[in-house]
């Protein structure tokens, strides 16, 4: 059985990346943390935090995350849990879709926005969404997906500061 630093080198080499390019992909300079994992002195287990980052980076280059988690000493069941926790919250699927008319889409968006947007803004927003949806879906086939925000914020709230409002301080009271 090969040593941990040798297995790490093999995994990185299989990705097709040089050590310098891979260290840059991880966001760390070559002469810092990552290089240690490919040196002869690395004989122990890969820290789980490092394994997570390395597995995520290597996965997009054809290396199975299980192999990286094995270097951290995780069992196959533990590796599966880690892999599941790294899975994106959103899955993208390419589909050919036939959309209903703009009027039907407008009604659909009005219903969806009913509890989220004040009535005065809802109709215009629903119509805009209905008109833009077909071209937006068409553009997604030519570009990578953009991560969705966790919660939708109404446009009127976007401009408002999330900070709480406090009474102004009297001069000299902050000392």
Protein backbone atom coordinates (compact mmCIF):
# COMPACT_ATOMS: atom_id res chain seq x y z
CA UNK A 1 0.00 0.00 0.00
CA UNK A 2 1.38 3.43 -0.90
CA UNK A 3 1.95 6.22 1.59
CA UNK A 4 -0.59 9.07 2.03
CA UNK A 5 1.56 11.67 0.24
CA UNK A 6 1.97 9.32 -2.74
CA UNK A 7 -1.78 8.66 -2.93
CA UNK A 8 -2.45 12.41 -2.74
CA UNK A 9 -0.01 13.00 -5.61
CA UNK A 10 -1.67 10.29 -7.70
CA UNK A 11 -5.15 11.78 -7.14
CA UNK A 12 -4.00 15.28 -8.02
CA UNK A 13 -2.07 14.03 -11.07
CA UNK A 14 -5.16 12.15 -12.29
CA UNK A 15 -6.99 15.47 -12.28
CA UNK A 16 -4.55 16.72 -14.91
CA UNK A 17 -3.56 19.70 -12.75
CA UNK A 18 -0.04 20.63 -11.75
CA UNK A 19 0.60 21.03 -8.04
CA UNK A 20 0.85 24.80 -8.50
CA UNK A 21 -2.44 24.98 -10.47
CA UNK A 22 -4.22 22.80 -7.94
CA UNK A 23 -2.96 24.85 -5.00
CA UNK A 24 -4.22 27.99 -6.78
CA UNK A 25 -7.60 26.29 -7.36
CA UNK A 26 -7.80 25.68 -3.62
CA UNK A 27 -6.96 29.33 -3.01
CA UNK A 28 -3.70 28.66 -1.22
CA UNK A 29 -0.17 29.48 -2.36
CA UNK A 30 1.90 26.45 -3.33
CA UNK A 31 4.40 26.91 -0.53
CA UNK A 32 1.73 26.68 2.18
CA UNK A 33 -0.77 24.03 3.25
CA UNK A 34 -1.50 22.00 0.12
CA UNK A 35 2.14 21.30 -0.77
CA UNK A 36 2.58 19.60 2.61
CA UNK A 37 0.08 16.90 1.61
CA UNK A 38 2.33 15.85 -1.28
CA UNK A 39 5.59 15.89 0.71
CA UNK A 40 7.28 12.84 2.23
CA UNK A 41 6.61 14.13 5.75
CA UNK A 42 2.86 13.77 5.22
CA UNK A 43 2.33 10.28 6.59
CA UNK A 44 -0.79 10.69 8.71
CA UNK A 45 -4.43 11.27 7.89
CA UNK A 46 -5.64 14.17 5.83
CA UNK A 47 -7.66 16.58 8.04
CA UNK A 48 -11.38 16.27 7.24
CA UNK A 49 -11.70 20.02 6.50
CA UNK A 50 -8.85 19.78 3.99
CA UNK A 51 -10.38 16.59 2.54
CA UNK A 52 -13.67 18.43 1.97
CA UNK A 53 -11.99 21.25 0.05
CA UNK A 54 -9.72 18.94 -1.92
CA UNK A 55 -12.55 16.51 -2.75
CA UNK A 56 -14.77 19.33 -4.00
CA UNK A 57 -11.99 20.73 -6.19
CA UNK A 58 -10.91 17.35 -7.59
CA UNK A 59 -14.44 16.14 -8.27
CA UNK A 60 -14.86 18.62 -11.10
CA UNK A 61 -11.67 17.14 -12.60
CA UNK A 62 -12.85 13.52 -12.58
CA UNK A 63 -11.58 12.30 -9.19
CA UNK A 64 -14.08 10.54 -6.92
CA UNK A 65 -14.52 12.29 -3.53
CA UNK A 66 -14.51 8.84 -1.83
CA UNK A 67 -10.85 8.46 -2.71
CA UNK A 68 -9.97 11.76 -1.04
CA UNK A 69 -12.06 10.99 2.05
CA UNK A 70 -10.26 7.65 2.34
CA UNK A 71 -7.05 9.67 2.86
CA UNK A 72 -8.80 11.29 5.83
CA UNK A 73 -9.48 7.85 7.28
CA UNK A 74 -13.22 7.97 6.74
CA UNK A 75 -15.10 4.72 6.23
CA UNK A 76 -17.19 4.36 3.08
CA UNK A 77 -20.34 5.17 5.10
CA UNK A 78 -18.74 8.29 6.59
CA UNK A 79 -17.52 9.31 3.14
CA UNK A 80 -21.06 8.96 1.78
CA UNK A 81 -22.34 11.31 4.50
CA UNK A 82 -19.65 13.86 3.59
CA UNK A 83 -20.39 13.56 -0.12
CA UNK A 84 -24.13 14.00 0.50
CA UNK A 85 -23.48 17.11 2.61
CA UNK A 86 -21.44 18.62 -0.23
CA UNK A 87 -24.12 18.02 -2.84
CA UNK A 88 -25.54 21.25 -4.23
CA UNK A 89 -28.95 22.28 -2.94
CA UNK A 90 -30.07 22.81 -6.53
CA UNK A 91 -29.78 20.27 -9.31
CA UNK A 92 -29.77 21.41 -12.89
CA UNK A 93 -31.40 19.38 -15.63
CA UNK A 94 -31.60 20.30 -19.31
CA UNK A 95 -35.12 19.91 -20.62
CA UNK A 96 -37.02 20.87 -23.73
CA UNK A 97 -40.02 22.75 -22.36
CA UNK A 98 -43.21 23.96 -24.00
CA UNK A 99 -44.39 27.01 -22.08
CA UNK A 100 -47.98 28.24 -21.91
CA UNK A 101 -48.99 31.65 -23.20
CA UNK A 102 -47.70 34.85 -21.61
CA UNK A 103 -51.16 35.39 -20.07
CA UNK A 104 -51.11 31.94 -18.43
CA UNK A 105 -47.58 32.51 -17.15
CA UNK A 106 -48.63 35.91 -15.80
CA UNK A 107 -51.49 34.31 -13.83
CA UNK A 108 -49.11 31.63 -12.55
CA UNK A 109 -46.60 34.24 -11.34
CA UNK A 110 -49.37 36.35 -9.78
CA UNK A 111 -50.44 33.32 -7.76
CA UNK A 112 -46.87 32.55 -6.75
CA UNK A 113 -46.20 36.14 -5.67
CA UNK A 114 -49.51 36.61 -3.87
CA UNK A 115 -48.08 36.36 -0.34
CA UNK A 116 -44.70 37.84 -1.21
CA UNK A 117 -45.32 41.09 -3.07
CA UNK A 118 -47.84 43.90 -2.44
CA UNK A 119 -50.77 43.85 -4.87
CA UNK A 120 -49.78 47.19 -6.42
CA UNK A 121 -46.46 45.72 -7.63
CA UNK A 122 -47.51 42.10 -8.18
CA UNK A 123 -49.28 42.50 -11.55
CA UNK A 124 -46.40 44.36 -13.20
CA UNK A 125 -43.80 42.00 -11.74
CA UNK A 126 -45.78 38.91 -12.77
CA UNK A 127 -46.15 40.23 -16.34
CA UNK A 128 -42.43 41.06 -16.54
CA UNK A 129 -41.48 37.60 -15.30
CA UNK A 130 -43.87 35.94 -17.76
CA UNK A 131 -42.41 37.87 -20.69
CA UNK A 132 -38.79 37.28 -19.69
CA UNK A 133 -39.04 33.59 -18.75
CA UNK A 134 -38.76 32.09 -22.28
CA UNK A 135 -35.65 34.07 -23.23
CA UNK A 136 -34.09 33.51 -19.80
CA UNK A 137 -34.56 29.75 -20.15
CA UNK A 138 -33.09 29.90 -23.63
CA UNK A 139 -29.97 31.71 -22.36
CA UNK A 140 -29.35 29.11 -19.65
CA UNK A 141 -28.40 26.54 -22.24
CA UNK A 142 -25.49 28.75 -23.33
CA UNK A 143 -24.16 29.72 -19.91
CA UNK A 144 -23.46 28.01 -16.60
CA UNK A 145 -26.22 28.23 -13.98
CA UNK A 146 -26.18 31.01 -11.40
CA UNK A 147 -26.73 29.95 -7.77
CA UNK A 148 -30.14 30.96 -6.42
CA UNK A 149 -30.52 33.12 -3.34
CA UNK A 150 -31.88 31.36 -0.26
CA UNK A 151 -34.88 33.62 0.10
CA UNK A 152 -36.46 36.04 -2.31
CA UNK A 153 -36.51 39.71 -1.33
CA UNK A 154 -39.14 41.99 -2.79
CA UNK A 155 -37.59 44.74 -4.99
CA UNK A 156 -38.81 47.50 -2.67
CA UNK A 157 -36.93 45.89 0.21
CA UNK A 158 -33.65 45.57 -1.75
CA UNK A 159 -32.82 49.23 -1.31
CA UNK A 160 -33.52 49.22 2.42
CA UNK A 161 -30.58 48.64 4.70
CA UNK A 162 -30.73 45.40 6.69
CA UNK A 163 -29.25 47.22 9.69
CA UNK A 164 -31.51 48.10 12.58
CA UNK A 165 -32.25 51.75 13.10
CA UNK A 166 -30.98 53.26 16.34
CA UNK A 167 -31.45 56.64 17.87
CA UNK A 168 -28.57 58.98 17.02
CA UNK A 169 -25.92 59.24 19.69
CA UNK A 170 -25.16 62.46 21.40
CA UNK A 171 -21.70 63.82 20.64
CA UNK A 172 -19.16 62.38 23.05
CA UNK A 173 -21.47 59.57 24.25
CA UNK A 174 -19.56 56.86 22.34
CA UNK A 175 -16.43 57.15 24.50
